[in-house]
PDB file of all heavy atoms in Angstrom:
ATOM      1  N   ALA A   1      15.307  15.173  41.559  1.00  0.00           N
ATOM      2  CA  ALA A   1      15.586  14.522  40.261  1.00  0.00           C
ATOM      3  C   ALA A   1      16.280  13.203  40.512  1.00  0.00           C
ATOM      4  O   ALA A   1      17.291  13.129  41.197  1.00  0.00           O
ATOM      5  CB  ALA A   1      16.438  15.410  39.385  1.00  0.00           C
ATOM      6  N   PRO A   2      15.695  12.073  39.967  1.00  0.00           N
ATOM      7  CA  PRO A   2      16.271  10.749  40.194  1.00  0.00           C
ATOM      8  C   PRO A   2      17.479  10.557  39.221  1.00  0.00           C
ATOM      9  O   PRO A   2      17.671  11.309  38.256  1.00  0.00           O
ATOM     10  CB  PRO A   2      15.177   9.827  39.853  1.00  0.00           C
ATOM     11  CG  PRO A   2      14.372  10.549  38.866  1.00  0.00           C
ATOM     12  CD  PRO A   2      14.447  11.985  39.244  1.00  0.00           C
ATOM     13  N   SER A   3      18.251   9.561  39.501  1.00  0.00           N
ATOM     14  CA  SER A   3      19.353   9.143  38.629  1.00  0.00           C
ATOM     15  C   SER A   3      19.117   7.718  38.172  1.00  0.00           C
ATOM     16  O   SER A   3      18.134   7.060  38.567  1.00  0.00           O
ATOM     17  CB  SER A   3      20.701   9.240  39.325  1.00  0.00           C
ATOM     18  OG  SER A   3      20.910   8.151  40.193  1.00  0.00           O
ATOM     19  N   HIS A   4      20.025   7.185  37.374  1.00  0.00           N
ATOM     20  CA  HIS A   4      19.893   5.836  36.846  1.00  0.00           C
ATOM     21  C   HIS A   4      19.962   4.795  37.976  1.00  0.00           C
ATOM     22  O   HIS A   4      19.397   3.708  37.812  1.00  0.00           O
ATOM     23  CB  HIS A   4      21.003   5.556  35.847  1.00  0.00           C
ATOM     24  CG  HIS A   4      20.922   4.216  35.238  1.00  0.00           C
ATOM     25  ND1 HIS A   4      19.922   3.823  34.336  1.00  0.00           N
ATOM     26  CD2 HIS A   4      21.748   3.108  35.360  1.00  0.00           C
ATOM     27  CE1 HIS A   4      20.147   2.605  33.983  1.00  0.00           C
ATOM     28  NE2 HIS A   4      21.233   2.140  34.575  1.00  0.00           N
ATOM     29  N   VAL A   5      20.635   5.137  39.090  1.00  0.00           N
ATOM     30  CA  VAL A   5      20.754   4.137  40.198  1.00  0.00           C
ATOM     31  C   VAL A   5      19.831   4.475  41.369  1.00  0.00           C
ATOM     32  O   VAL A   5      19.952   3.803  42.410  1.00  0.00           O
ATOM     33  CB  VAL A   5      22.238   4.102  40.700  1.00  0.00           C
ATOM     34  CG1 VAL A   5      23.173   3.663  39.558  1.00  0.00           C
ATOM     35  CG2 VAL A   5      22.692   5.461  41.259  1.00  0.00           C
ATOM     36  N   THR A   6      18.970   5.416  41.196  1.00  0.00           N
ATOM     37  CA  THR A   6      17.988   5.752  42.290  1.00  0.00           C
ATOM     38  C   THR A   6      17.115   4.537  42.517  1.00  0.00           C
ATOM     39  O   THR A   6      16.489   3.992  41.608  1.00  0.00           O
ATOM     40  CB  THR A   6      17.126   6.942  41.950  1.00  0.00           C
ATOM     41  OG1 THR A   6      18.014   8.080  41.734  1.00  0.00           O
ATOM     42  CG2 THR A   6      16.163   7.238  43.041  1.00  0.00           C
ATOM     43  N   ALA A   7      17.031   4.115  43.794  1.00  0.00           N
ATOM     44  CA  ALA A   7      16.271   2.912  44.109  1.00  0.00           C
ATOM     45  C   ALA A   7      14.746   3.060  43.879  1.00  0.00           C
ATOM     46  O   ALA A   7      14.111   2.205  43.347  1.00  0.00           O
ATOM     47  CB  ALA A   7      16.503   2.492  45.583  1.00  0.00           C
ATOM     48  N   ASP A   8      14.225   4.197  44.320  1.00  0.00           N
ATOM     49  CA  ASP A   8      12.755   4.442  44.183  1.00  0.00           C
ATOM     50  C   ASP A   8      12.563   5.751  43.430  1.00  0.00           C
ATOM     51  O   ASP A   8      12.617   6.842  44.005  1.00  0.00           O
ATOM     52  CB  ASP A   8      12.153   4.531  45.584  1.00  0.00           C
ATOM     53  CG  ASP A   8      10.644   4.662  45.517  1.00  0.00           C
ATOM     54  OD1 ASP A   8      10.079   4.607  44.379  1.00  0.00           O
ATOM     55  OD2 ASP A   8       9.982   4.807  46.576  1.00  0.00           O
ATOM     56  N   VAL A   9      12.295   5.621  42.107  1.00  0.00           N
ATOM     57  CA  VAL A   9      12.192   6.798  41.282  1.00  0.00           C
ATOM     58  C   VAL A   9      10.814   7.433  41.515  1.00  0.00           C
ATOM     59  O   VAL A   9      10.589   8.579  41.029  1.00  0.00           O
ATOM     60  CB  VAL A   9      12.369   6.472  39.815  1.00  0.00           C
ATOM     61  CG1 VAL A   9      13.756   5.993  39.527  1.00  0.00           C
ATOM     62  CG2 VAL A   9      11.351   5.447  39.342  1.00  0.00           C
ATOM     63  N   ARG A  10       9.897   6.784  42.178  1.00  0.00           N
ATOM     64  CA  ARG A  10       8.570   7.361  42.468  1.00  0.00           C
ATOM     65  C   ARG A  10       8.577   8.319  43.666  1.00  0.00           C
ATOM     66  O   ARG A  10       7.662   9.078  43.817  1.00  0.00           O
ATOM     67  CB  ARG A  10       7.572   6.229  42.684  1.00  0.00           C
ATOM     68  CG  ARG A  10       7.324   5.309  41.500  1.00  0.00           C
ATOM     69  CD  ARG A  10       6.514   4.128  41.857  1.00  0.00           C
ATOM     70  NE  ARG A  10       7.192   3.312  42.856  1.00  0.00           N
ATOM     71  CZ  ARG A  10       6.688   2.205  43.376  1.00  0.00           C
ATOM     72  NH1 ARG A  10       5.476   1.760  42.939  1.00  0.00           N
ATOM     73  NH2 ARG A  10       7.326   1.489  44.240  1.00  0.00           N
ATOM     74  N   ARG A  11       9.649   8.217  44.444  1.00  0.00           N
ATOM     75  CA  ARG A  11       9.717   9.088  45.590  1.00  0.00           C
ATOM     76  C   ARG A  11       9.898  10.571  45.182  1.00  0.00           C
ATOM     77  O   ARG A  11      10.667  10.861  44.266  1.00  0.00           O
ATOM     78  CB  ARG A  11      10.916   8.677  46.473  1.00  0.00           C
ATOM     79  CG  ARG A  11      11.042   9.464  47.793  1.00  0.00           C
ATOM     80  CD  ARG A  11      12.282   9.026  48.529  1.00  0.00           C
ATOM     81  NE  ARG A  11      12.426   9.736  49.819  1.00  0.00           N
ATOM     82  CZ  ARG A  11      12.927  10.954  49.910  1.00  0.00           C
ATOM     83  NH1 ARG A  11      13.305  11.636  48.849  1.00  0.00           N
ATOM     84  NH2 ARG A  11      13.007  11.520  51.108  1.00  0.00           N
ATOM     85  N   THR A  12       9.164  11.441  45.792  1.00  0.00           N
ATOM     86  CA  THR A  12       9.246  12.876  45.488  1.00  0.00           C
ATOM     87  C   THR A  12       9.951  13.587  46.570  1.00  0.00           C
ATOM     88  O   THR A  12      10.145  13.092  47.720  1.00  0.00           O
ATOM     89  CB  THR A  12       7.828  13.474  45.299  1.00  0.00           C
ATOM     90  OG1 THR A  12       7.098  13.286  46.500  1.00  0.00           O
ATOM     91  CG2 THR A  12       7.121  12.811  44.131  1.00  0.00           C
ATOM     92  N   GLY A  13      10.385  14.812  46.332  1.00  0.00           N
ATOM     93  CA  GLY A  13      11.061  15.666  47.310  1.00  0.00           C
ATOM     94  C   GLY A  13      12.548  15.486  47.222  1.00  0.00           C
ATOM     95  O   GLY A  13      13.076  14.637  46.430  1.00  0.00           O
ATOM     96  N   PRO A  14      13.288  16.319  47.964  1.00  0.00           N
ATOM     97  CA  PRO A  14      14.772  16.251  47.917  1.00  0.00           C
ATOM     98  C   PRO A  14      15.297  14.864  48.272  1.00  0.00           C
ATOM     99  O   PRO A  14      14.721  14.138  49.063  1.00  0.00           O
ATOM    100  CB  PRO A  14      15.158  17.279  48.983  1.00  0.00           C
ATOM    101  CG  PRO A  14      13.923  18.157  49.160  1.00  0.00           C
ATOM    102  CD  PRO A  14      12.743  17.259  48.936  1.00  0.00           C
ATOM    103  N   VAL A  15      16.444  14.566  47.646  1.00  0.00           N
ATOM    104  CA  VAL A  15      17.151  13.352  47.996  1.00  0.00           C
ATOM    105  C   VAL A  15      17.850  13.545  49.362  1.00  0.00           C
ATOM    106  O   VAL A  15      18.674  14.453  49.484  1.00  0.00           O
ATOM    107  CB  VAL A  15      18.159  12.963  46.927  1.00  0.00           C
ATOM    108  CG1 VAL A  15      18.927  11.694  47.351  1.00  0.00           C
ATOM    109  CG2 VAL A  15      17.467  12.790  45.564  1.00  0.00           C
ATOM    110  N   ALA A  16      17.410  12.776  50.356  1.00  0.00           N
ATOM    111  CA  ALA A  16      17.894  13.035  51.723  1.00  0.00           C
ATOM    112  C   ALA A  16      19.381  12.882  51.838  1.00  0.00           C
ATOM    113  O   ALA A  16      20.070  13.687  52.444  1.00  0.00           O
ATOM    114  CB  ALA A  16      17.143  12.089  52.711  1.00  0.00           C
ATOM    115  N   GLN A  17      19.922  11.800  51.239  1.00  0.00           N
ATOM    116  CA  GLN A  17      21.339  11.533  51.360  1.00  0.00           C
ATOM    117  C   GLN A  17      21.833  10.835  50.135  1.00  0.00           C
ATOM    118  O   GLN A  17      21.235   9.810  49.730  1.00  0.00           O
ATOM    119  CB  GLN A  17      21.662  10.698  52.595  1.00  0.00           C
ATOM    120  CG  GLN A  17      23.141  10.471  52.865  1.00  0.00           C
ATOM    121  CD  GLN A  17      23.407   9.816  54.193  1.00  0.00           C
ATOM    122  OE1 GLN A  17      22.597   9.934  55.132  1.00  0.00           O
ATOM    123  NE2 GLN A  17      24.521   9.143  54.313  1.00  0.00           N
ATOM    124  N   LEU A  18      22.881  11.380  49.535  1.00  0.00           N
ATOM    125  CA  LEU A  18      23.414  10.755  48.316  1.00  0.00           C
ATOM    126  C   LEU A  18      24.424   9.711  48.686  1.00  0.00           C
ATOM    127  O   LEU A  18      25.408   9.998  49.376  1.00  0.00           O
ATOM    128  CB  LEU A  18      24.026  11.809  47.438  1.00  0.00           C
ATOM    129  CG  LEU A  18      23.120  12.804  46.763  1.00  0.00           C
ATOM    130  CD1 LEU A  18      23.944  13.913  46.079  1.00  0.00           C
ATOM    131  CD2 LEU A  18      22.208  12.154  45.750  1.00  0.00           C
ATOM    132  N   SER A  19      24.213   8.457  48.186  1.00  0.00           N
ATOM    133  CA  SER A  19      25.231   7.442  48.439  1.00  0.00           C
ATOM    134  C   SER A  19      26.386   7.665  47.445  1.00  0.00           C
ATOM    135  O   SER A  19      26.310   8.494  46.487  1.00  0.00           O
ATOM    136  CB  SER A  19      24.620   6.069  48.116  1.00  0.00           C
ATOM    137  OG  SER A  19      24.253   5.996  46.760  1.00  0.00           O
ATOM    138  N   ASP A  20      27.497   6.934  47.697  1.00  0.00           N
ATOM    139  CA  ASP A  20      28.634   7.106  46.761  1.00  0.00           C
ATOM    140  C   ASP A  20      28.238   6.636  45.385  1.00  0.00           C
ATOM    141  O   ASP A  20      28.717   7.247  44.411  1.00  0.00           O
ATOM    142  CB  ASP A  20      29.811   6.250  47.274  1.00  0.00           C
ATOM    143  CG  ASP A  20      30.493   6.901  48.488  1.00  0.00           C
ATOM    144  OD1 ASP A  20      30.035   7.977  48.929  1.00  0.00           O
ATOM    145  OD2 ASP A  20      31.451   6.302  48.991  1.00  0.00           O
ATOM    146  N   ALA A  21      27.410   5.655  45.268  1.00  0.00           N
ATOM    147  CA  ALA A  21      26.966   5.188  43.959  1.00  0.00           C
ATOM    148  C   ALA A  21      26.145   6.257  43.249  1.00  0.00           C
ATOM    149  O   ALA A  21      26.320   6.454  42.032  1.00  0.00           O
ATOM    150  CB  ALA A  21      26.108   3.904  44.098  1.00  0.00           C
ATOM    151  N   GLU A  22      25.292   6.952  43.992  1.00  0.00           N
ATOM    152  CA  GLU A  22      24.531   8.046  43.396  1.00  0.00           C
ATOM    153  C   GLU A  22      25.477   9.184  42.928  1.00  0.00           C
ATOM    154  O   GLU A  22      25.270   9.706  41.842  1.00  0.00           O
ATOM    155  CB  GLU A  22      23.509   8.573  44.457  1.00  0.00           C
ATOM    156  CG  GLU A  22      22.293   7.771  44.592  1.00  0.00           C
ATOM    157  CD  GLU A  22      21.208   8.190  43.599  1.00  0.00           C
ATOM    158  OE1 GLU A  22      21.530   8.880  42.618  1.00  0.00           O
ATOM    159  OE2 GLU A  22      20.053   7.810  43.843  1.00  0.00           O
ATOM    160  N   ILE A  23      26.424   9.528  43.749  1.00  0.00           N
ATOM    161  CA  ILE A  23      27.347  10.596  43.374  1.00  0.00           C
ATOM    162  C   ILE A  23      28.132  10.248  42.118  1.00  0.00           C
ATOM    163  O   ILE A  23      28.247  11.026  41.191  1.00  0.00           O
ATOM    164  CB  ILE A  23      28.334  10.915  44.551  1.00  0.00           C
ATOM    165  CG1 ILE A  23      27.557  11.496  45.725  1.00  0.00           C
ATOM    166  CG2 ILE A  23      29.440  11.855  44.085  1.00  0.00           C
ATOM    167  CD1 ILE A  23      28.390  11.670  46.967  1.00  0.00           C
ATOM    168  N   ARG A  24      28.626   8.990  42.107  1.00  0.00           N
ATOM    169  CA  ARG A  24      29.376   8.565  40.906  1.00  0.00           C
ATOM    170  C   ARG A  24      28.510   8.599  39.651  1.00  0.00           C
ATOM    171  O   ARG A  24      28.952   9.022  38.561  1.00  0.00           O
ATOM    172  CB  ARG A  24      29.981   7.151  41.107  1.00  0.00           C
ATOM    173  CG  ARG A  24      31.178   7.093  42.075  1.00  0.00           C
ATOM    174  CD  ARG A  24      31.883   5.765  41.995  1.00  0.00           C
ATOM    175  NE  ARG A  24      31.019   4.717  42.529  1.00  0.00           N
ATOM    176  CZ  ARG A  24      31.042   4.289  43.786  1.00  0.00           C
ATOM    177  NH1 ARG A  24      31.871   4.874  44.670  1.00  0.00           N
ATOM    178  NH2 ARG A  24      30.240   3.338  44.214  1.00  0.00           N
ATOM    179  N   GLU A  25      27.285   8.096  39.771  1.00  0.00           N
ATOM    180  CA  GLU A  25      26.377   8.105  38.631  1.00  0.00           C
ATOM    181  C   GLU A  25      26.033   9.504  38.165  1.00  0.00           C
ATOM    182  O   GLU A  25      26.071   9.818  37.005  1.00  0.00           O
ATOM    183  CB  GLU A  25      25.115   7.336  38.974  1.00  0.00           C
ATOM    184  CG  GLU A  25      24.033   7.430  37.919  1.00  0.00           C
ATOM    185  CD  GLU A  25      24.397   6.836  36.588  1.00  0.00           C
ATOM    186  OE1 GLU A  25      25.316   5.960  36.540  1.00  0.00           O
ATOM    187  OE2 GLU A  25      23.833   7.278  35.572  1.00  0.00           O
ATOM    188  N   ARG A  26      25.730  10.355  39.107  1.00  0.00           N
ATOM    189  CA  ARG A  26      25.297  11.699  38.750  1.00  0.00           C
ATOM    190  C   ARG A  26      26.504  12.574  38.269  1.00  0.00           C
ATOM    191  O   ARG A  26      26.254  13.555  37.524  1.00  0.00           O
ATOM    192  CB  ARG A  26      24.670  12.399  39.970  1.00  0.00           C
ATOM    193  CG  ARG A  26      23.322  11.809  40.367  1.00  0.00           C
ATOM    194  CD  ARG A  26      22.855  12.353  41.718  1.00  0.00           C
ATOM    195  NE  ARG A  26      21.585  11.731  42.140  1.00  0.00           N
ATOM    196  CZ  ARG A  26      20.368  12.210  41.903  1.00  0.00           C
ATOM    197  NH1 ARG A  26      20.208  13.281  41.189  1.00  0.00           N
ATOM    198  NH2 ARG A  26      19.296  11.550  42.382  1.00  0.00           N
ATOM    199  N   MET A  27      27.689  12.182  38.576  1.00  0.00           N
ATOM    200  CA  MET A  27      28.871  12.893  38.102  1.00  0.00           C
ATOM    201  C   MET A  27      29.543  12.216  36.899  1.00  0.00           C
ATOM    202  O   MET A  27      30.657  12.580  36.483  1.00  0.00           O
ATOM    203  CB  MET A  27      29.880  13.074  39.209  1.00  0.00           C
ATOM    204  CG  MET A  27      29.433  14.014  40.366  1.00  0.00           C
ATOM    205  SD  MET A  27      29.369  15.728  39.832  1.00  0.00           S
ATOM    206  CE  MET A  27      31.118  16.054  39.513  1.00  0.00           C
ATOM    207  N   SER A  28      28.912  11.191  36.357  1.00  0.00           N
ATOM    208  CA  SER A  28      29.569  10.359  35.341  1.00  0.00           C
ATOM    209  C   SER A  28      29.811  11.094  34.035  1.00  0.00           C
ATOM    210  O   SER A  28      30.587  10.635  33.223  1.00  0.00           O
ATOM    211  CB  SER A  28      28.703   9.123  35.082  1.00  0.00           C
ATOM    212  OG  SER A  28      27.409   9.503  34.568  1.00  0.00           O
ATOM    213  N   GLY A  29      29.189  12.258  33.808  1.00  0.00           N
ATOM    214  CA  GLY A  29      29.472  12.997  32.617  1.00  0.00           C
ATOM    215  C   GLY A  29      30.742  13.817  32.677  1.00  0.00           C
ATOM    216  O   GLY A  29      31.160  14.411  31.664  1.00  0.00           O
ATOM    217  N   ASN A  30      31.421  13.814  33.829  1.00  0.00           N
ATOM    218  CA  ASN A  30      32.687  14.549  33.959  1.00  0.00           C
ATOM    219  C   ASN A  30      33.790  13.542  34.126  1.00  0.00           C
ATOM    220  O   ASN A  30      33.826  12.739  35.084  1.00  0.00           O
ATOM    221  CB  ASN A  30      32.638  15.459  35.184  1.00  0.00           C
ATOM    222  CG  ASN A  30      31.691  16.617  34.977  1.00  0.00           C
ATOM    223  OD1 ASN A  30      30.460  16.476  35.083  1.00  0.00           O
ATOM    224  ND2 ASN A  30      32.219  17.779  34.654  1.00  0.00           N
ATOM    225  N   ILE A  31      34.788  13.607  33.211  1.00  0.00           N
ATOM    226  CA  ILE A  31      35.870  12.651  33.196  1.00  0.00           C
ATOM    227  C   ILE A  31      37.134  13.250  33.798  1.00  0.00           C
ATOM    228  O   ILE A  31      37.513  14.414  33.476  1.00  0.00           O
ATOM    229  CB  ILE A  31      36.159  12.187  31.761  1.00  0.00           C
ATOM    230  CG1 ILE A  31      34.960  11.426  31.211  1.00  0.00           C
ATOM    231  CG2 ILE A  31      37.428  11.319  31.690  1.00  0.00           C
ATOM    232  CD1 ILE A  31      35.102  11.079  29.703  1.00  0.00           C
ATOM    233  N   CYS A  32      37.812  12.533  34.691  1.00  0.00           N
ATOM    234  CA  CYS A  32      39.089  12.935  35.233  1.00  0.00           C
ATOM    235  C   CYS A  32      40.158  11.930  34.693  1.00  0.00           C
ATOM    236  O   CYS A  32      40.170  10.775  35.118  1.00  0.00           O
ATOM    237  CB  CYS A  32      39.051  12.921  36.732  1.00  0.00           C
ATOM    238  SG  CYS A  32      40.665  13.229  37.543  1.00  0.00           S
ATOM    239  N   ARG A  33      41.007  12.393  33.831  1.00  0.00           N
ATOM    240  CA  ARG A  33      41.972  11.511  33.232  1.00  0.00           C
ATOM    241  C   ARG A  33      43.102  11.167  34.236  1.00  0.00           C
ATOM    242  O   ARG A  33      43.807  10.206  34.035  1.00  0.00           O
ATOM    243  CB  ARG A  33      42.593  12.142  31.981  1.00  0.00           C
ATOM    244  CG  ARG A  33      41.566  12.198  30.840  1.00  0.00           C
ATOM    245  CD  ARG A  33      42.144  13.007  29.659  1.00  0.00           C
ATOM    246  NE  ARG A  33      41.240  12.951  28.535  1.00  0.00           N
ATOM    247  CZ  ARG A  33      40.207  13.821  28.371  1.00  0.00           C
ATOM    248  NH1 ARG A  33      40.006  14.765  29.278  1.00  0.00           N
ATOM    249  NH2 ARG A  33      39.393  13.756  27.317  1.00  0.00           N
ATOM    250  N   CYS A  34      43.210  11.942  35.301  1.00  0.00           N
ATOM    251  CA  CYS A  34      44.198  11.637  36.343  1.00  0.00           C
ATOM    252  C   CYS A  34      43.716  10.546  37.279  1.00  0.00           C
ATOM    253  O   CYS A  34      44.473  10.011  38.085  1.00  0.00           O
ATOM    254  CB  CYS A  34      44.548  12.883  37.114  1.00  0.00           C
ATOM    255  SG  CYS A  34      45.348  14.183  36.131  1.00  0.00           S
ATOM    256  N   GLY A  35      42.393  10.297  37.315  1.00  0.00           N
ATOM    257  CA  GLY A  35      41.860   9.281  38.181  1.00  0.00           C
ATOM    258  C   GLY A  35      41.634   9.706  39.596  1.00  0.00           C
ATOM    259  O   GLY A  35      41.812   8.909  40.522  1.00  0.00           O
ATOM    260  N   ALA A  36      41.331  10.986  39.801  1.00  0.00           N
ATOM    261  CA  ALA A  36      41.150  11.508  41.191  1.00  0.00           C
ATOM    262  C   ALA A  36      39.756  11.283  41.702  1.00  0.00           C
ATOM    263  O   ALA A  36      39.261  12.065  42.577  1.00  0.00           O
ATOM    264  CB  ALA A  36      41.552  12.994  41.237  1.00  0.00           C
ATOM    265  N   TYR A  37      39.098  10.279  41.210  1.00  0.00           N
ATOM    266  CA  TYR A  37      37.682  10.083  41.545  1.00  0.00           C
ATOM    267  C   TYR A  37      37.400   9.890  43.059  1.00  0.00           C
ATOM    268  O   TYR A  37      36.392  10.413  43.517  1.00  0.00           O
ATOM    269  CB  TYR A  37      37.109   8.900  40.752  1.00  0.00           C
ATOM    270  CG  TYR A  37      37.082   9.116  39.265  1.00  0.00           C
ATOM    271  CD1 TYR A  37      37.884   8.373  38.419  1.00  0.00           C
ATOM    272  CD2 TYR A  37      36.251  10.114  38.733  1.00  0.00           C
ATOM    273  CE1 TYR A  37      37.804   8.587  37.033  1.00  0.00           C
ATOM    274  CE2 TYR A  37      36.173  10.316  37.370  1.00  0.00           C
ATOM    275  CZ  TYR A  37      36.972   9.566  36.532  1.00  0.00           C
ATOM    276  OH  TYR A  37      36.974   9.799  35.178  1.00  0.00           O
ATOM    277  N   PRO A  38      38.229   9.161  43.792  1.00  0.00           N
ATOM    278  CA  PRO A  38      37.960   8.991  45.234  1.00  0.00           C
ATOM    279  C   PRO A  38      37.865  10.384  45.950  1.00  0.00           C
ATOM    280  O   PRO A  38      36.962  10.583  46.789  1.00  0.00           O
ATOM    281  CB  PRO A  38      39.101   8.169  45.755  1.00  0.00           C
ATOM    282  CG  PRO A  38      39.544   7.361  44.578  1.00  0.00           C
ATOM    283  CD  PRO A  38      39.385   8.319  43.410  1.00  0.00           C
ATOM    284  N   GLY A  39      38.768  11.256  45.658  1.00  0.00           N
ATOM    285  CA  GLY A  39      38.758  12.568  46.255  1.00  0.00           C
ATOM    286  C   GLY A  39      37.548  13.401  45.833  1.00  0.00           C
ATOM    287  O   GLY A  39      36.960  14.176  46.623  1.00  0.00           O
TER     288      GLY A  39
END
């Protein structure tokens, strides 16, 4: 499944490696009010 920041949305198959940008985008629906996002 692609995300908003996926470079090539036409690519099929598992995402080989998630970049930090991908992780942040895909987890953007969860808010941490303490700001523990780096961890």
